[in-house]
Amino acid sequence: MTKQEKVDFVMKTLDNIYPTIPIPLDHKDPYTLLIAVLLSAQSTDVRVNQITPKLFSKADNPYDMVKLTVEEIRDIIKPVGLSPMKSKGIYGLSKILIEQHNGQVPQTYEELEALPAVGHKTAAVVLSQAFGIPAFPVDTHIHRLMYRWNLSNGKNVVQTEKDAKRLFPEESWNKLHLQIIWYGREYCQARGWDLENDIITKTIGRKSVLDTYYKTKKS
């Protein structure tokens, strides 16, 4: 297969499996999505979705959030991990949104990444999922799959994002990055992976990845 044929195969297969795709993090607006994505760092979407209802019942907008102390926020979000950093980030970004953005979540990478605890991936998720602005957030699933599918060299997430944006049409990015995440969770996990159920990797996978898989299975 040529690279373009691989790209077409990936998109067609994912559209067949996931004609519609849910956003993994529960939210009701750009602000609650921003907070949920921030909380998801080194945690799971399931755990975040268990914690955010409690947090948002007290504060689902920046004006109410700054009425809480950092310690109060931290006590609520402890189960998701990294609570000292995340609680300071939530309080700090809420204050900045009020002071500099009239309480609204901005819609540019530059402004989002200037907020405390908001990195490039978080900004990309918010732009894509809250505002429909074309972006290709790369998480561990996408980074792993792009390498296994021989569509990126796997050096780092920055390069993986560049490769994804170069290979896939811009109008597909917002849906496709979610499709790849769900596919990675269901069919192409980091561990306990069953290649027989992973039609994409089985069809277009990097030779070294396939060789390692079959070698491990035999041992």
N, C-alpha and C. Protein backbone atom coordinates (compact mmCIF):
# COMPACT_ATOMS: atom_id res chain seq x y z
N MET A 1 0.83 -1.20 0.00
CA MET A 1 0.00 0.00 0.00
C MET A 1 0.87 1.26 0.00
N THR A 2 0.44 2.24 -0.77
CA THR A 2 1.10 3.54 -0.70
C THR A 2 0.66 4.24 0.59
N LYS A 3 1.37 5.30 0.94
CA LYS A 3 1.00 6.06 2.14
C LYS A 3 -0.44 6.59 2.01
N GLN A 4 -0.80 7.08 0.84
CA GLN A 4 -2.15 7.61 0.65
C GLN A 4 -3.19 6.51 0.78
N GLU A 5 -2.88 5.34 0.27
CA GLU A 5 -3.81 4.21 0.39
C GLU A 5 -3.99 3.82 1.85
N LYS A 6 -2.91 3.90 2.63
CA LYS A 6 -3.00 3.61 4.06
C LYS A 6 -3.90 4.64 4.75
N VAL A 7 -3.70 5.90 4.42
CA VAL A 7 -4.51 6.97 5.01
C VAL A 7 -5.98 6.75 4.67
N ASP A 8 -6.27 6.45 3.42
CA ASP A 8 -7.65 6.21 2.99
C ASP A 8 -8.24 5.01 3.72
N PHE A 9 -7.44 3.97 3.90
CA PHE A 9 -7.91 2.76 4.59
C PHE A 9 -8.25 3.07 6.05
N VAL A 10 -7.37 3.83 6.70
CA VAL A 10 -7.61 4.20 8.10
C VAL A 10 -8.91 4.98 8.23
N MET A 11 -9.09 5.99 7.38
CA MET A 11 -10.28 6.84 7.48
C MET A 11 -11.55 6.05 7.18
N LYS A 12 -11.52 5.21 6.16
CA LYS A 12 -12.70 4.43 5.80
C LYS A 12 -13.05 3.44 6.90
N THR A 13 -12.04 2.76 7.44
CA THR A 13 -12.28 1.77 8.49
C THR A 13 -12.84 2.43 9.74
N LEU A 14 -12.26 3.55 10.14
CA LEU A 14 -12.73 4.24 11.35
C LEU A 14 -14.14 4.81 11.16
N ASP A 15 -14.44 5.28 9.96
CA ASP A 15 -15.80 5.77 9.70
C ASP A 15 -16.82 4.64 9.77
N ASN A 16 -16.41 3.44 9.35
CA ASN A 16 -17.31 2.30 9.43
C ASN A 16 -17.56 1.88 10.88
N ILE A 17 -16.50 1.90 11.69
CA ILE A 17 -16.62 1.48 13.09
C ILE A 17 -17.28 2.55 13.94
N TYR A 18 -16.90 3.81 13.68
CA TYR A 18 -17.39 4.93 14.49
C TYR A 18 -18.02 6.01 13.61
N PRO A 19 -19.20 5.76 13.07
CA PRO A 19 -19.83 6.78 12.23
C PRO A 19 -20.15 8.05 13.00
N THR A 20 -20.47 7.88 14.27
CA THR A 20 -20.58 9.03 15.18
C THR A 20 -19.69 8.71 16.37
N ILE A 21 -19.14 9.75 16.97
CA ILE A 21 -18.16 9.52 18.02
C ILE A 21 -18.41 10.45 19.20
N PRO A 22 -18.55 9.92 20.40
CA PRO A 22 -18.78 10.78 21.56
C PRO A 22 -17.50 11.43 22.05
N ILE A 23 -17.61 12.60 22.65
CA ILE A 23 -16.48 13.24 23.31
C ILE A 23 -16.31 12.56 24.67
N PRO A 24 -15.12 12.08 24.99
CA PRO A 24 -14.95 11.26 26.20
C PRO A 24 -15.20 11.98 27.52
N LEU A 25 -14.93 13.28 27.58
CA LEU A 25 -15.05 14.01 28.83
C LEU A 25 -16.39 14.73 28.91
N ASP A 26 -17.11 14.51 29.99
CA ASP A 26 -18.40 15.15 30.19
C ASP A 26 -18.21 16.65 30.44
N HIS A 27 -18.99 17.46 29.75
CA HIS A 27 -18.89 18.91 29.91
C HIS A 27 -20.14 19.54 29.32
N LYS A 28 -20.37 20.82 29.61
CA LYS A 28 -21.54 21.50 29.07
C LYS A 28 -21.19 22.75 28.27
N ASP A 29 -19.95 23.21 28.38
CA ASP A 29 -19.53 24.42 27.68
C ASP A 29 -18.00 24.46 27.62
N PRO A 30 -17.41 25.46 26.93
CA PRO A 30 -15.96 25.51 26.81
C PRO A 30 -15.22 25.54 28.15
N TYR A 31 -15.77 26.23 29.13
CA TYR A 31 -15.07 26.32 30.42
C TYR A 31 -15.02 24.96 31.11
N THR A 32 -16.15 24.27 31.19
CA THR A 32 -16.14 22.97 31.86
C THR A 32 -15.31 21.95 31.09
N LEU A 33 -15.26 22.07 29.77
CA LEU A 33 -14.38 21.20 28.99
C LEU A 33 -12.92 21.50 29.31
N LEU A 34 -12.56 22.77 29.36
CA LEU A 34 -11.19 23.15 29.68
C LEU A 34 -10.76 22.56 31.01
N ILE A 35 -11.60 22.69 32.02
CA ILE A 35 -11.27 22.15 33.34
C ILE A 35 -11.16 20.63 33.29
N ALA A 36 -12.07 19.97 32.59
CA ALA A 36 -12.04 18.51 32.50
C ALA A 36 -10.78 18.02 31.80
N VAL A 37 -10.39 18.70 30.73
CA VAL A 37 -9.18 18.29 30.01
C VAL A 37 -7.95 18.50 30.88
N LEU A 38 -7.91 19.61 31.59
CA LEU A 38 -6.79 19.86 32.51
C LEU A 38 -6.70 18.74 33.55
N LEU A 39 -7.84 18.33 34.08
CA LEU A 39 -7.86 17.28 35.10
C LEU A 39 -7.44 15.93 34.55
N SER A 40 -7.61 15.72 33.25
CA SER A 40 -7.36 14.40 32.66
C SER A 40 -5.88 14.08 32.50
N ALA A 41 -5.00 15.05 32.69
CA ALA A 41 -3.56 14.81 32.56
C ALA A 41 -3.13 13.71 33.53
N GLN A 42 -2.52 12.66 33.00
CA GLN A 42 -2.04 11.52 33.78
C GLN A 42 -3.16 10.91 34.64
N SER A 43 -4.37 10.96 34.12
CA SER A 43 -5.50 10.31 34.77
C SER A 43 -6.33 9.67 33.67
N THR A 44 -7.52 9.18 34.01
CA THR A 44 -8.39 8.57 33.01
C THR A 44 -9.66 9.40 32.86
N ASP A 45 -10.25 9.32 31.69
CA ASP A 45 -11.50 10.05 31.47
C ASP A 45 -12.59 9.57 32.41
N VAL A 46 -12.61 8.28 32.70
CA VAL A 46 -13.62 7.73 33.60
C VAL A 46 -13.51 8.37 34.98
N ARG A 47 -12.28 8.45 35.47
CA ARG A 47 -12.09 9.03 36.80
C ARG A 47 -12.44 10.52 36.81
N VAL A 48 -12.05 11.22 35.76
CA VAL A 48 -12.37 12.65 35.67
C VAL A 48 -13.88 12.85 35.66
N ASN A 49 -14.58 12.02 34.88
CA ASN A 49 -16.05 12.14 34.80
C ASN A 49 -16.74 11.82 36.13
N GLN A 50 -16.03 11.10 37.00
CA GLN A 50 -16.58 10.83 38.33
C GLN A 50 -16.41 12.03 39.27
N ILE A 51 -15.37 12.82 39.02
CA ILE A 51 -15.03 13.93 39.91
C ILE A 51 -15.66 15.26 39.49
N THR A 52 -15.75 15.51 38.19
CA THR A 52 -16.22 16.82 37.75
C THR A 52 -17.63 17.17 38.20
N PRO A 53 -18.58 16.22 38.31
CA PRO A 53 -19.90 16.64 38.80
C PRO A 53 -19.84 17.29 40.18
N LYS A 54 -19.00 16.76 41.05
CA LYS A 54 -18.86 17.33 42.39
C LYS A 54 -18.24 18.73 42.32
N LEU A 55 -17.21 18.88 41.48
CA LEU A 55 -16.56 20.19 41.34
C LEU A 55 -17.51 21.19 40.70
N PHE A 56 -18.18 20.77 39.63
CA PHE A 56 -19.04 21.71 38.89
C PHE A 56 -20.34 22.03 39.64
N SER A 57 -20.71 21.19 40.59
CA SER A 57 -21.88 21.54 41.39
C SER A 57 -21.59 22.75 42.29
N LYS A 58 -20.31 22.94 42.59
CA LYS A 58 -19.89 24.10 43.39
C LYS A 58 -19.48 25.27 42.51
N ALA A 59 -18.86 24.95 41.36
CA ALA A 59 -18.36 26.01 40.49
C ALA A 59 -18.23 25.50 39.07
N ASP A 60 -19.13 25.94 38.19
CA ASP A 60 -19.06 25.53 36.78
C ASP A 60 -18.77 26.72 35.87
N ASN A 61 -18.22 27.77 36.47
CA ASN A 61 -17.82 28.97 35.72
C ASN A 61 -16.70 29.64 36.49
N PRO A 62 -15.90 30.47 35.82
CA PRO A 62 -14.73 31.05 36.51
C PRO A 62 -15.09 31.94 37.68
N TYR A 63 -16.23 32.62 37.62
CA TYR A 63 -16.61 33.52 38.71
C TYR A 63 -16.88 32.76 40.00
N ASP A 64 -17.54 31.62 39.89
CA ASP A 64 -17.78 30.80 41.08
C ASP A 64 -16.51 30.06 41.51
N MET A 65 -15.66 29.69 40.53
CA MET A 65 -14.46 28.93 40.87
C MET A 65 -13.52 29.75 41.76
N VAL A 66 -13.37 31.04 41.47
CA VAL A 66 -12.45 31.85 42.28
C VAL A 66 -13.01 32.15 43.66
N LYS A 67 -14.27 31.82 43.90
CA LYS A 67 -14.83 31.96 45.25
C LYS A 67 -14.35 30.82 46.14
N LEU A 68 -13.91 29.72 45.52
CA LEU A 68 -13.32 28.61 46.26
C LEU A 68 -11.85 28.91 46.51
N THR A 69 -11.29 28.31 47.53
CA THR A 69 -9.85 28.41 47.74
C THR A 69 -9.15 27.31 46.95
N VAL A 70 -7.86 27.47 46.74
CA VAL A 70 -7.08 26.42 46.08
C VAL A 70 -7.19 25.12 46.86
N GLU A 71 -7.19 25.22 48.18
CA GLU A 71 -7.28 24.03 49.02
C GLU A 71 -8.63 23.33 48.85
N GLU A 72 -9.70 24.10 48.72
CA GLU A 72 -11.02 23.50 48.53
C GLU A 72 -11.09 22.77 47.18
N ILE A 73 -10.53 23.40 46.16
CA ILE A 73 -10.49 22.75 44.84
C ILE A 73 -9.67 21.46 44.92
N ARG A 74 -8.54 21.56 45.59
CA ARG A 74 -7.65 20.40 45.70
C ARG A 74 -8.33 19.23 46.41
N ASP A 75 -9.07 19.51 47.46
CA ASP A 75 -9.76 18.45 48.20
C ASP A 75 -10.74 17.70 47.31
N ILE A 76 -11.40 18.42 46.41
CA ILE A 76 -12.39 17.80 45.53
C ILE A 76 -11.72 16.95 44.46
N ILE A 77 -10.61 17.44 43.90
CA ILE A 77 -10.02 16.79 42.73
C ILE A 77 -8.91 15.80 43.07
N LYS A 78 -8.65 15.57 44.33
CA LYS A 78 -7.55 14.68 44.73
C LYS A 78 -7.55 13.33 44.01
N PRO A 79 -8.71 12.68 43.81
CA PRO A 79 -8.69 11.36 43.19
C PRO A 79 -8.11 11.31 41.78
N VAL A 80 -8.05 12.44 41.06
CA VAL A 80 -7.52 12.39 39.69
C VAL A 80 -6.01 12.50 39.66
N GLY A 81 -5.38 12.79 40.80
CA GLY A 81 -3.93 12.90 40.84
C GLY A 81 -3.41 14.28 40.46
N LEU A 82 -2.18 14.54 40.86
CA LEU A 82 -1.51 15.82 40.59
C LEU A 82 -2.36 17.00 41.10
N SER A 83 -3.08 16.77 42.18
CA SER A 83 -4.02 17.79 42.65
C SER A 83 -3.38 19.11 43.08
N PRO A 84 -2.16 19.13 43.63
CA PRO A 84 -1.57 20.43 43.99
C PRO A 84 -1.39 21.34 42.77
N MET A 85 -0.83 20.78 41.70
CA MET A 85 -0.62 21.56 40.48
C MET A 85 -1.93 21.90 39.78
N LYS A 86 -2.83 20.93 39.71
CA LYS A 86 -4.08 21.13 38.99
C LYS A 86 -4.99 22.13 39.70
N SER A 87 -5.03 22.08 41.03
CA SER A 87 -5.90 23.02 41.76
C SER A 87 -5.40 24.45 41.61
N LYS A 88 -4.09 24.64 41.65
CA LYS A 88 -3.54 25.98 41.43
C LYS A 88 -3.82 26.45 40.00
N GLY A 89 -3.71 25.51 39.05
CA GLY A 89 -3.98 25.86 37.66
C GLY A 89 -5.42 26.25 37.44
N ILE A 90 -6.34 25.50 38.02
CA ILE A 90 -7.77 25.79 37.85
C ILE A 90 -8.11 27.15 38.44
N TYR A 91 -7.62 27.40 39.64
CA TYR A 91 -7.89 28.70 40.26
C TYR A 91 -7.23 29.83 39.47
N GLY A 92 -5.97 29.64 39.08
CA GLY A 92 -5.24 30.68 38.37
C GLY A 92 -5.83 31.00 37.01
N LEU A 93 -6.19 29.98 36.25
CA LEU A 93 -6.74 30.25 34.92
C LEU A 93 -8.13 30.88 35.02
N SER A 94 -8.88 30.50 36.05
CA SER A 94 -10.21 31.11 36.24
C SER A 94 -10.08 32.60 36.51
N LYS A 95 -9.10 32.95 37.32
CA LYS A 95 -8.86 34.36 37.62
C LYS A 95 -8.44 35.13 36.38
N ILE A 96 -7.59 34.54 35.56
CA ILE A 96 -7.14 35.20 34.32
C ILE A 96 -8.30 35.34 33.33
N LEU A 97 -9.14 34.32 33.24
CA LEU A 97 -10.30 34.41 32.33
C LEU A 97 -11.19 35.59 32.71
N ILE A 98 -11.36 35.82 34.01
CA ILE A 98 -12.17 36.95 34.47
C ILE A 98 -11.48 38.27 34.17
N GLU A 99 -10.19 38.34 34.49
CA GLU A 99 -9.46 39.60 34.40
C GLU A 99 -9.11 40.00 32.96
N GLN A 100 -8.89 38.99 32.11
CA GLN A 100 -8.39 39.31 30.76
C GLN A 100 -9.34 38.92 29.62
N HIS A 101 -10.33 38.07 29.91
CA HIS A 101 -11.17 37.54 28.82
C HIS A 101 -12.67 37.64 29.13
N ASN A 102 -13.04 38.51 30.03
CA ASN A 102 -14.46 38.68 30.38
C ASN A 102 -15.13 37.37 30.78
N GLY A 103 -14.36 36.48 31.39
CA GLY A 103 -14.90 35.22 31.86
C GLY A 103 -15.09 34.17 30.78
N GLN A 104 -14.66 34.47 29.55
CA GLN A 104 -14.84 33.55 28.43
C GLN A 104 -13.54 32.81 28.10
N VAL A 105 -13.66 31.58 27.66
CA VAL A 105 -12.50 30.81 27.22
C VAL A 105 -12.06 31.31 25.85
N PRO A 106 -10.79 31.71 25.70
CA PRO A 106 -10.32 32.22 24.39
C PRO A 106 -10.26 31.12 23.34
N GLN A 107 -10.13 31.55 22.09
CA GLN A 107 -10.20 30.61 20.98
C GLN A 107 -8.94 30.59 20.13
N THR A 108 -7.79 30.83 20.75
CA THR A 108 -6.52 30.74 20.03
C THR A 108 -5.52 29.92 20.86
N TYR A 109 -4.60 29.25 20.18
CA TYR A 109 -3.55 28.51 20.88
C TYR A 109 -2.77 29.44 21.81
N GLU A 110 -2.39 30.59 21.31
CA GLU A 110 -1.54 31.51 22.07
C GLU A 110 -2.20 31.89 23.40
N GLU A 111 -3.47 32.27 23.34
CA GLU A 111 -4.16 32.69 24.56
C GLU A 111 -4.43 31.52 25.50
N LEU A 112 -4.78 30.38 24.95
CA LEU A 112 -5.04 29.21 25.80
C LEU A 112 -3.76 28.72 26.48
N GLU A 113 -2.68 28.64 25.72
CA GLU A 113 -1.43 28.14 26.28
C GLU A 113 -0.80 29.11 27.26
N ALA A 114 -1.27 30.36 27.29
CA ALA A 114 -0.80 31.33 28.28
C ALA A 114 -1.46 31.13 29.64
N LEU A 115 -2.50 30.30 29.69
CA LEU A 115 -3.21 30.03 30.94
C LEU A 115 -2.43 29.02 31.78
N PRO A 116 -2.47 29.13 33.10
CA PRO A 116 -1.76 28.18 33.97
C PRO A 116 -2.22 26.75 33.74
N ALA A 117 -1.25 25.83 33.68
CA ALA A 117 -1.50 24.39 33.56
C ALA A 117 -2.13 23.98 32.24
N VAL A 118 -2.16 24.88 31.27
CA VAL A 118 -2.74 24.54 29.95
C VAL A 118 -1.61 24.41 28.93
N GLY A 119 -1.39 23.20 28.46
CA GLY A 119 -0.38 22.95 27.45
C GLY A 119 -0.98 22.87 26.06
N HIS A 120 -0.14 22.50 25.11
CA HIS A 120 -0.56 22.49 23.71
C HIS A 120 -1.69 21.50 23.46
N LYS A 121 -1.59 20.30 24.04
CA LYS A 121 -2.62 19.30 23.81
C LYS A 121 -3.96 19.74 24.38
N THR A 122 -3.94 20.27 25.60
CA THR A 122 -5.18 20.76 26.22
C THR A 122 -5.81 21.84 25.36
N ALA A 123 -4.97 22.77 24.88
CA ALA A 123 -5.47 23.84 24.02
C ALA A 123 -6.09 23.28 22.75
N ALA A 124 -5.43 22.29 22.17
CA ALA A 124 -5.93 21.69 20.93
C ALA A 124 -7.27 21.01 21.15
N VAL A 125 -7.43 20.30 22.28
CA VAL A 125 -8.70 19.64 22.57
C VAL A 125 -9.83 20.66 22.70
N VAL A 126 -9.56 21.75 23.41
CA VAL A 126 -10.58 22.77 23.60
C VAL A 126 -10.95 23.43 22.27
N LEU A 127 -9.97 23.76 21.47
CA LEU A 127 -10.26 24.39 20.17
C LEU A 127 -11.09 23.45 19.31
N SER A 128 -10.72 22.18 19.31
CA SER A 128 -11.41 21.20 18.46
C SER A 128 -12.81 20.88 18.96
N GLN A 129 -12.90 20.50 20.23
CA GLN A 129 -14.15 19.95 20.75
C GLN A 129 -15.12 21.01 21.26
N ALA A 130 -14.61 22.16 21.67
CA ALA A 130 -15.50 23.21 22.18
C ALA A 130 -15.90 24.19 21.09
N PHE A 131 -14.98 24.47 20.16
CA PHE A 131 -15.22 25.53 19.19
C PHE A 131 -15.26 25.05 17.74
N GLY A 132 -14.96 23.77 17.50
CA GLY A 132 -14.99 23.25 16.14
C GLY A 132 -13.87 23.78 15.26
N ILE A 133 -12.83 24.31 15.86
CA ILE A 133 -11.67 24.80 15.11
C ILE A 133 -10.77 23.61 14.79
N PRO A 134 -10.37 23.43 13.53
CA PRO A 134 -9.55 22.26 13.18
C PRO A 134 -8.29 22.16 14.02
N ALA A 135 -8.13 21.03 14.68
CA ALA A 135 -6.95 20.75 15.50
C ALA A 135 -6.78 19.25 15.56
N PHE A 136 -5.58 18.80 15.90
CA PHE A 136 -5.33 17.36 15.99
C PHE A 136 -4.59 17.07 17.29
N PRO A 137 -5.31 17.07 18.41
CA PRO A 137 -4.66 16.78 19.70
C PRO A 137 -4.10 15.36 19.70
N VAL A 138 -2.85 15.22 20.10
CA VAL A 138 -2.21 13.91 20.12
C VAL A 138 -2.03 13.44 21.55
N ASP A 139 -2.73 12.36 21.91
CA ASP A 139 -2.54 11.75 23.22
C ASP A 139 -1.73 10.47 23.05
N THR A 140 -1.60 9.70 24.12
CA THR A 140 -0.75 8.51 24.05
C THR A 140 -1.30 7.48 23.06
N HIS A 141 -2.63 7.40 22.94
CA HIS A 141 -3.22 6.44 21.99
C HIS A 141 -2.86 6.82 20.55
N ILE A 142 -3.06 8.07 20.20
CA ILE A 142 -2.76 8.51 18.83
C ILE A 142 -1.27 8.37 18.54
N HIS A 143 -0.44 8.75 19.50
CA HIS A 143 1.01 8.63 19.31
C HIS A 143 1.40 7.17 19.06
N ARG A 144 0.82 6.25 19.82
CA ARG A 144 1.13 4.82 19.67
C ARG A 144 0.63 4.30 18.33
N LEU A 145 -0.60 4.64 17.96
CA LEU A 145 -1.17 4.10 16.74
C LEU A 145 -0.52 4.66 15.49
N MET A 146 -0.21 5.93 15.49
CA MET A 146 0.45 6.52 14.32
C MET A 146 1.80 5.83 14.07
N TYR A 147 2.47 5.44 15.15
CA TYR A 147 3.73 4.70 15.00
C TYR A 147 3.47 3.28 14.52
N ARG A 148 2.54 2.59 15.15
CA ARG A 148 2.26 1.21 14.75
C ARG A 148 1.79 1.11 13.31
N TRP A 149 1.08 2.15 12.86
CA TRP A 149 0.57 2.15 11.49
C TRP A 149 1.59 2.67 10.49
N ASN A 150 2.78 2.97 10.97
CA ASN A 150 3.87 3.46 10.10
C ASN A 150 3.50 4.77 9.41
N LEU A 151 2.74 5.61 10.13
CA LEU A 151 2.38 6.92 9.60
C LEU A 151 3.17 8.03 10.28
N SER A 152 3.95 7.67 11.29
CA SER A 152 4.83 8.62 11.96
C SER A 152 5.98 7.84 12.56
N ASN A 153 7.10 8.52 12.79
CA ASN A 153 8.28 7.81 13.29
C ASN A 153 8.28 7.61 14.79
N GLY A 154 7.32 8.21 15.49
CA GLY A 154 7.19 7.97 16.91
C GLY A 154 8.21 8.65 17.79
N LYS A 155 8.97 9.61 17.25
CA LYS A 155 10.01 10.27 18.05
C LYS A 155 9.42 11.07 19.20
N ASN A 156 8.36 11.82 18.92
CA ASN A 156 7.71 12.61 19.97
C ASN A 156 6.33 13.03 19.48
N VAL A 157 5.50 13.53 20.41
CA VAL A 157 4.13 13.88 20.05
C VAL A 157 4.07 15.09 19.12
N VAL A 158 5.08 15.95 19.20
CA VAL A 158 5.11 17.11 18.31
C VAL A 158 5.23 16.66 16.86
N GLN A 159 6.13 15.71 16.61
CA GLN A 159 6.29 15.20 15.26
C GLN A 159 5.07 14.40 14.82
N THR A 160 4.49 13.64 15.74
CA THR A 160 3.29 12.87 15.41
C THR A 160 2.16 13.80 14.98
N GLU A 161 2.00 14.91 15.69
CA GLU A 161 0.94 15.88 15.32
C GLU A 161 1.21 16.46 13.93
N LYS A 162 2.45 16.80 13.65
CA LYS A 162 2.80 17.34 12.33
C LYS A 162 2.49 16.33 11.24
N ASP A 163 2.86 15.07 11.49
CA ASP A 163 2.62 14.02 10.49
C ASP A 163 1.12 13.81 10.27
N ALA A 164 0.35 13.80 11.36
CA ALA A 164 -1.10 13.60 11.24
C ALA A 164 -1.74 14.73 10.44
N LYS A 165 -1.32 15.95 10.71
CA LYS A 165 -1.89 17.09 10.00
C LYS A 165 -1.47 17.10 8.53
N ARG A 166 -0.30 16.58 8.27
CA ARG A 166 0.17 16.53 6.88
C ARG A 166 -0.54 15.44 6.09
N LEU A 167 -0.84 14.32 6.74
CA LEU A 167 -1.40 13.17 6.03
C LEU A 167 -2.91 13.22 5.88
N PHE A 168 -3.60 13.68 6.92
CA PHE A 168 -5.07 13.63 6.90
C PHE A 168 -5.65 14.99 6.54
N PRO A 169 -6.74 15.00 5.76
CA PRO A 169 -7.36 16.27 5.37
C PRO A 169 -7.87 17.05 6.59
N GLU A 170 -7.71 18.35 6.54
CA GLU A 170 -8.03 19.20 7.69
C GLU A 170 -9.48 19.05 8.15
N GLU A 171 -10.37 18.86 7.21
CA GLU A 171 -11.79 18.75 7.58
C GLU A 171 -12.08 17.47 8.37
N SER A 172 -11.13 16.54 8.40
CA SER A 172 -11.35 15.29 9.14
C SER A 172 -10.76 15.31 10.55
N TRP A 173 -9.93 16.29 10.84
CA TRP A 173 -9.13 16.24 12.08
C TRP A 173 -9.97 16.12 13.34
N ASN A 174 -10.99 16.94 13.47
CA ASN A 174 -11.73 16.99 14.73
C ASN A 174 -12.45 15.68 15.04
N LYS A 175 -12.96 15.03 14.02
CA LYS A 175 -13.61 13.73 14.22
C LYS A 175 -12.58 12.61 14.29
N LEU A 176 -11.58 12.69 13.44
CA LEU A 176 -10.62 11.60 13.31
C LEU A 176 -9.79 11.38 14.57
N HIS A 177 -9.39 12.45 15.22
CA HIS A 177 -8.55 12.25 16.41
C HIS A 177 -9.34 11.52 17.50
N LEU A 178 -10.65 11.77 17.58
CA LEU A 178 -11.47 11.03 18.54
C LEU A 178 -11.65 9.58 18.12
N GLN A 179 -11.82 9.36 16.81
CA GLN A 179 -11.97 7.99 16.32
C GLN A 179 -10.72 7.16 16.63
N ILE A 180 -9.55 7.75 16.43
CA ILE A 180 -8.30 7.03 16.70
C ILE A 180 -8.17 6.72 18.19
N ILE A 181 -8.55 7.67 19.04
CA ILE A 181 -8.49 7.44 20.49
C ILE A 181 -9.36 6.25 20.88
N TRP A 182 -10.61 6.23 20.40
CA TRP A 182 -11.51 5.13 20.74
C TRP A 182 -11.01 3.81 20.17
N TYR A 183 -10.46 3.85 18.96
CA TYR A 183 -9.93 2.63 18.36
C TYR A 183 -8.76 2.11 19.18
N GLY A 184 -7.89 3.01 19.61
CA GLY A 184 -6.75 2.60 20.42
C GLY A 184 -7.17 1.96 21.72
N ARG A 185 -8.22 2.49 22.34
CA ARG A 185 -8.71 1.93 23.60
C ARG A 185 -9.34 0.56 23.41
N GLU A 186 -10.04 0.37 22.29
CA GLU A 186 -10.82 -0.84 22.10
C GLU A 186 -10.08 -1.95 21.34
N TYR A 187 -9.19 -1.57 20.41
CA TYR A 187 -8.60 -2.58 19.53
C TYR A 187 -7.07 -2.60 19.50
N CYS A 188 -6.42 -1.54 19.96
CA CYS A 188 -4.97 -1.46 19.79
C CYS A 188 -4.32 -0.89 21.05
N GLN A 189 -4.55 -1.59 22.17
CA GLN A 189 -4.06 -1.13 23.45
C GLN A 189 -2.54 -1.26 23.55
N ALA A 190 -1.97 -0.55 24.50
CA ALA A 190 -0.53 -0.62 24.72
C ALA A 190 -0.14 -2.00 25.24
N ARG A 191 -0.99 -2.55 26.11
CA ARG A 191 -0.72 -3.88 26.68
C ARG A 191 -1.93 -4.78 26.50
N GLY A 192 -1.67 -6.09 26.45
CA GLY A 192 -2.77 -7.02 26.28
C GLY A 192 -3.46 -6.88 24.94
N TRP A 193 -2.69 -6.53 23.96
CA TRP A 193 -3.20 -6.21 22.63
C TRP A 193 -3.38 -7.48 21.81
N ASP A 194 -4.56 -7.62 21.18
CA ASP A 194 -4.85 -8.77 20.34
C ASP A 194 -4.90 -8.32 18.89
N LEU A 195 -3.85 -8.61 18.15
CA LEU A 195 -3.74 -8.15 16.77
C LEU A 195 -4.86 -8.69 15.89
N GLU A 196 -5.38 -9.86 16.22
CA GLU A 196 -6.42 -10.46 15.39
C GLU A 196 -7.68 -9.59 15.33
N ASN A 197 -7.93 -8.82 16.37
CA ASN A 197 -9.09 -7.92 16.39
C ASN A 197 -8.75 -6.52 15.89
N ASP A 198 -7.49 -6.29 15.61
CA ASP A 198 -7.00 -4.96 15.21
C ASP A 198 -6.80 -4.94 13.70
N ILE A 199 -7.89 -4.72 12.97
CA ILE A 199 -7.85 -4.83 11.50
C ILE A 199 -6.92 -3.81 10.87
N ILE A 200 -6.80 -2.63 11.45
CA ILE A 200 -5.96 -1.60 10.83
C ILE A 200 -4.49 -1.97 10.94
N THR A 201 -4.03 -2.27 12.15
CA THR A 201 -2.61 -2.61 12.31
C THR A 201 -2.27 -3.89 11.56
N LYS A 202 -3.18 -4.85 11.57
CA LYS A 202 -2.95 -6.11 10.87
C LYS A 202 -2.78 -5.87 9.37
N THR A 203 -3.45 -4.83 8.86
CA THR A 203 -3.42 -4.56 7.42
C THR A 203 -2.27 -3.66 7.01
N ILE A 204 -1.99 -2.63 7.80
CA ILE A 204 -0.99 -1.63 7.36
C ILE A 204 0.15 -1.45 8.37
N GLY A 205 0.21 -2.30 9.39
CA GLY A 205 1.15 -2.08 10.48
C GLY A 205 2.62 -2.08 10.07
N ARG A 206 3.41 -1.36 10.84
CA ARG A 206 4.86 -1.31 10.68
C ARG A 206 5.42 -2.73 10.84
N LYS A 207 6.32 -3.13 9.96
CA LYS A 207 6.83 -4.51 9.98
C LYS A 207 7.47 -4.86 11.31
N SER A 208 8.25 -3.95 11.87
CA SER A 208 8.93 -4.25 13.13
C SER A 208 7.93 -4.45 14.27
N VAL A 209 6.82 -3.74 14.22
CA VAL A 209 5.78 -3.89 15.24
C VAL A 209 5.12 -5.26 15.11
N LEU A 210 4.80 -5.64 13.88
CA LEU A 210 4.16 -6.94 13.65
C LEU A 210 5.10 -8.08 14.01
N ASP A 211 6.38 -7.94 13.62
CA ASP A 211 7.36 -8.98 13.94
C ASP A 211 7.50 -9.16 15.45
N THR A 212 7.55 -8.05 16.17
CA THR A 212 7.66 -8.11 17.64
C THR A 212 6.43 -8.76 18.25
N TYR A 213 5.28 -8.41 17.72
CA TYR A 213 4.03 -9.00 18.24
C TYR A 213 4.03 -10.51 18.10
N TYR A 214 4.34 -11.00 16.89
CA TYR A 214 4.29 -12.44 16.65
C TYR A 214 5.40 -13.17 17.40
N LYS A 215 6.54 -12.52 17.56
CA LYS A 215 7.64 -13.13 18.33
C LYS A 215 7.24 -13.28 19.79
N THR A 216 6.58 -12.27 20.32
CA THR A 216 6.13 -12.31 21.72
C THR A 216 5.08 -13.39 21.91
N LYS A 217 4.19 -13.54 20.92
CA LYS A 217 3.13 -14.53 21.01
C LYS A 217 3.70 -15.96 21.04
N LYS A 218 4.80 -16.15 20.31
CA LYS A 218 5.40 -17.50 20.24
C LYS A 218 6.16 -17.85 21.50
N SER A 219 6.69 -16.85 22.17
CA SER A 219 7.54 -17.12 23.34
C SER A 219 6.70 -17.46 24.57
